[in-house]
C-alpha atoms as a PDB file:
ATOM      1  CA  UNK A   1     148.470  87.925  80.084  1.00  0.00           C
ATOM      2  CA  UNK A   2     145.310  85.930  80.355  1.00  0.00           C
ATOM      3  CA  UNK A   3     144.246  83.613  77.477  1.00  0.00           C
ATOM      4  CA  UNK A   4     140.585  83.511  76.618  1.00  0.00           C
ATOM      5  CA  UNK A   5     140.441  80.292  78.471  1.00  0.00           C
ATOM      6  CA  UNK A   6     141.905  81.572  81.535  1.00  0.00           C
ATOM      7  CA  UNK A   7     139.749  84.627  81.521  1.00  0.00           C
ATOM      8  CA  UNK A   8     136.575  82.627  81.030  1.00  0.00           C
ATOM      9  CA  UNK A   9     137.622  80.302  83.859  1.00  0.00           C
ATOM     10  CA  UNK A  10     138.285  83.206  86.294  1.00  0.00           C
ATOM     11  CA  UNK A  11     134.990  84.769  85.341  1.00  0.00           C
ATOM     12  CA  UNK A  12     133.207  81.522  85.881  1.00  0.00           C
ATOM     13  CA  UNK A  13     134.844  81.119  89.360  1.00  0.00           C
ATOM     14  CA  UNK A  14     133.725  84.682  90.311  1.00  0.00           C
ATOM     15  CA  UNK A  15     130.251  83.825  89.047  1.00  0.00           C
ATOM     16  CA  UNK A  16     130.049  80.700  91.193  1.00  0.00           C
ATOM     17  CA  UNK A  17     131.197  82.696  94.243  1.00  0.00           C
ATOM     18  CA  UNK A  18     128.506  85.328  93.555  1.00  0.00           C
ATOM     19  CA  UNK A  19     125.825  82.661  93.068  1.00  0.00           C
ATOM     20  CA  UNK A  20     126.747  80.902  96.301  1.00  0.00           C
ATOM     21  CA  UNK A  21     126.758  84.301  98.198  1.00  0.00           C
ATOM     22  CA  UNK A  22     123.376  85.119  96.897  1.00  0.00           C
ATOM     23  CA  UNK A  23     121.907  81.703  97.563  1.00  0.00           C
ATOM     24  CA  UNK A  24     123.170  81.745 101.144  1.00  0.00           C
ATOM     25  CA  UNK A  25     122.250  85.424 101.884  1.00  0.00           C
ATOM     26  CA  UNK A  26     119.368  86.405 104.183  1.00  0.00           C
ATOM     27  CA  UNK A  27     116.568  88.425 102.787  1.00  0.00           C
ATOM     28  CA  UNK A  28     117.957  91.299 104.498  1.00  0.00           C
ATOM     29  CA  UNK A  29     121.405  90.922 102.992  1.00  0.00           C
ATOM     30  CA  UNK A  30     119.648  90.462  99.527  1.00  0.00           C
ATOM     31  CA  UNK A  31     117.835  93.711 100.021  1.00  0.00           C
ATOM     32  CA  UNK A  32     121.254  95.506 100.603  1.00  0.00           C
ATOM     33  CA  UNK A  33     122.729  93.790  97.512  1.00  0.00           C
ATOM     34  CA  UNK A  34     119.918  94.988  95.272  1.00  0.00           C
ATOM     35  CA  UNK A  35     120.354  98.518  96.584  1.00  0.00           C
ATOM     36  CA  UNK A  36     124.147  98.244  96.001  1.00  0.00           C
ATOM     37  CA  UNK A  37     123.529  97.014  92.520  1.00  0.00           C
ATOM     38  CA  UNK A  38     121.022  99.839  91.756  1.00  0.00           C
ATOM     39  CA  UNK A  39     123.474 102.439  93.098  1.00  0.00           C
ATOM     40  CA  UNK A  40     126.353 101.122  90.873  1.00  0.00           C
ATOM     41  CA  UNK A  41     124.009 101.263  87.800  1.00  0.00           C
ATOM     42  CA  UNK A  42     122.982 104.764  88.600  1.00  0.00           C
ATOM     43  CA  UNK A  43     126.596 105.743  88.678  1.00  0.00           C
ATOM     44  CA  UNK A  44     127.069 104.167  85.312  1.00  0.00           C
ATOM     45  CA  UNK A  45     123.938 105.950  84.030  1.00  0.00           C
ATOM     46  CA  UNK A  46     122.417 102.538  83.056  1.00  0.00           C
ATOM     47  CA  UNK A  47     118.732 103.174  82.904  1.00  0.00           C
ATOM     48  CA  UNK A  48     117.644  99.611  82.077  1.00  0.00           C
ATOM     49  CA  UNK A  49     119.591  97.924  84.999  1.00  0.00           C
ATOM     50  CA  UNK A  50     118.812 100.628  87.448  1.00  0.00           C
ATOM     51  CA  UNK A  51     115.082 100.303  86.701  1.00  0.00           C
ATOM     52  CA  UNK A  52     115.125  96.581  86.836  1.00  0.00           C
ATOM     53  CA  UNK A  53     116.758  96.762  90.337  1.00  0.00           C
ATOM     54  CA  UNK A  54     114.235  99.357  91.447  1.00  0.00           C
ATOM     55  CA  UNK A  55     111.523  97.036  90.146  1.00  0.00           C
ATOM     56  CA  UNK A  56     112.902  94.222  92.380  1.00  0.00           C
ATOM     57  CA  UNK A  57     112.654  96.605  95.259  1.00  0.00           C
ATOM     58  CA  UNK A  58     109.035  97.407  94.484  1.00  0.00           C
ATOM     59  CA  UNK A  59     108.232  93.680  94.127  1.00  0.00           C
ATOM     60  CA  UNK A  60     109.606  93.124  97.616  1.00  0.00           C
ATOM     61  CA  UNK A  61     107.190  95.610  99.177  1.00  0.00           C
ATOM     62  CA  UNK A  62     104.529  94.113 101.511  1.00  0.00           C
ATOM     63  CA  UNK A  63     101.115  95.695 101.138  1.00  0.00           C
ATOM     64  CA  UNK A  64      99.248  92.850 102.773  1.00  0.00           C
ATOM     65  CA  UNK A  65      99.792  93.925 106.383  1.00  0.00           C
ATOM     66  CA  UNK A  66      98.070  96.957 107.675  1.00  0.00           C
ATOM     67  CA  UNK A  67     100.944  97.936 109.898  1.00  0.00           C
ATOM     68  CA  UNK A  68     103.376  98.033 106.992  1.00  0.00           C
ATOM     69  CA  UNK A  69     101.004  99.302 104.213  1.00  0.00           C
ATOM     70  CA  UNK A  70     101.810 102.933 104.834  1.00  0.00           C
ATOM     71  CA  UNK A  71     105.512 102.449 104.785  1.00  0.00           C
ATOM     72  CA  UNK A  72     105.285 100.351 101.492  1.00  0.00           C
ATOM     73  CA  UNK A  73     103.253 103.141  99.868  1.00  0.00           C
ATOM     74  CA  UNK A  74     105.826 105.650 100.739  1.00  0.00           C
ATOM     75  CA  UNK A  75     108.655 103.534  99.397  1.00  0.00           C
ATOM     76  CA  UNK A  76     106.594 102.658  96.248  1.00  0.00           C
ATOM     77  CA  UNK A  77     106.332 106.489  95.529  1.00  0.00           C
ATOM     78  CA  UNK A  78     110.001 106.999  96.120  1.00  0.00           C
ATOM     79  CA  UNK A  79     110.936 104.152  93.838  1.00  0.00           C
ATOM     80  CA  UNK A  80     108.614 105.375  91.092  1.00  0.00           C
ATOM     81  CA  UNK A  81     110.073 108.849  91.474  1.00  0.00           C
ATOM     82  CA  UNK A  82     113.546 107.330  90.996  1.00  0.00           C
ATOM     83  CA  UNK A  83     112.375 105.507  87.944  1.00  0.00           C
ATOM     84  CA  UNK A  84     111.096 108.720  86.580  1.00  0.00           C
ATOM     85  CA  UNK A  85     114.195 110.685  87.435  1.00  0.00           C
ATOM     86  CA  UNK A  86     116.369 108.097  85.717  1.00  0.00           C
ATOM     87  CA  UNK A  87     114.396 108.408  82.502  1.00  0.00           C
ATOM     88  CA  UNK A  88     114.985 112.174  82.890  1.00  0.00           C
ATOM     89  CA  UNK A  89     118.635 111.496  83.334  1.00  0.00           C
ATOM     90  CA  UNK A  90     118.710 113.150  86.770  1.00  0.00           C
ATOM     91  CA  UNK A  91     121.230 110.635  88.082  1.00  0.00           C
ATOM     92  CA  UNK A  92     122.432 112.563  91.207  1.00  0.00           C
ATOM     93  CA  UNK A  93     118.997 112.677  92.881  1.00  0.00           C
ATOM     94  CA  UNK A  94     118.416 109.005  92.253  1.00  0.00           C
ATOM     95  CA  UNK A  95     121.846 108.199  93.522  1.00  0.00           C
ATOM     96  CA  UNK A  96     121.172 110.205  96.711  1.00  0.00           C
ATOM     97  CA  UNK A  97     117.728 108.734  97.371  1.00  0.00           C
ATOM     98  CA  UNK A  98     119.014 105.055  96.873  1.00  0.00           C
ATOM     99  CA  UNK A  99     122.099 105.641  98.886  1.00  0.00           C
ATOM    100  CA  UNK A 100     120.155 107.109 101.838  1.00  0.00           C
ATOM    101  CA  UNK A 101     117.548 104.316 101.671  1.00  0.00           C
ATOM    102  CA  UNK A 102     120.275 101.699 101.605  1.00  0.00           C
ATOM    103  CA  UNK A 103     122.029 103.272 104.614  1.00  0.00           C
ATOM    104  CA  UNK A 104     118.716 103.500 106.492  1.00  0.00           C
ATOM    105  CA  UNK A 105     117.955  99.893 105.783  1.00  0.00           C
ATOM    106  CA  UNK A 106     121.443  98.738 106.738  1.00  0.00           C
ATOM    107  CA  UNK A 107     121.325 100.814 110.006  1.00  0.00           C
ATOM    108  CA  UNK A 108     117.959  99.127 110.837  1.00  0.00           C
ATOM    109  CA  UNK A 109     119.269  95.750 110.012  1.00  0.00           C
ATOM    110  CA  UNK A 110     122.315  96.209 112.208  1.00  0.00           C
ATOM    111  CA  UNK A 111     120.446  97.842 115.070  1.00  0.00           C
ATOM    112  CA  UNK A 112     117.778  95.023 115.283  1.00  0.00           C
ATOM    113  CA  UNK A 113     120.219  92.209 114.433  1.00  0.00           C
ATOM    114  CA  UNK A 114     118.231  91.145 111.406  1.00  0.00           C
ATOM    115  CA  UNK A 115     121.211  90.203 109.334  1.00  0.00           C
END
């Protein structure tokens, strides 16, 4: 059985691994990680953490370029819808939307070798 010291040390090692993984990740991989985090938090019915993750996705949208503005607006509407549905405790729809968006991004990243 772990002592408190051993548990803290193991947790610290995991944290260091995660920190290094995040620091070394490409922007595309970070996007997928945010989706993964949001999806896990939806499954846990954690409103606060899900909405924080969705807010990070919103913050990453690029409205400055004319060629991406329409896509960014569509994603913004979807993200806001997900935040609203989380507050209404409609977890299944949020899970489905975020999972489909994550899969679509992952497919695009793999297809265009953006990873």
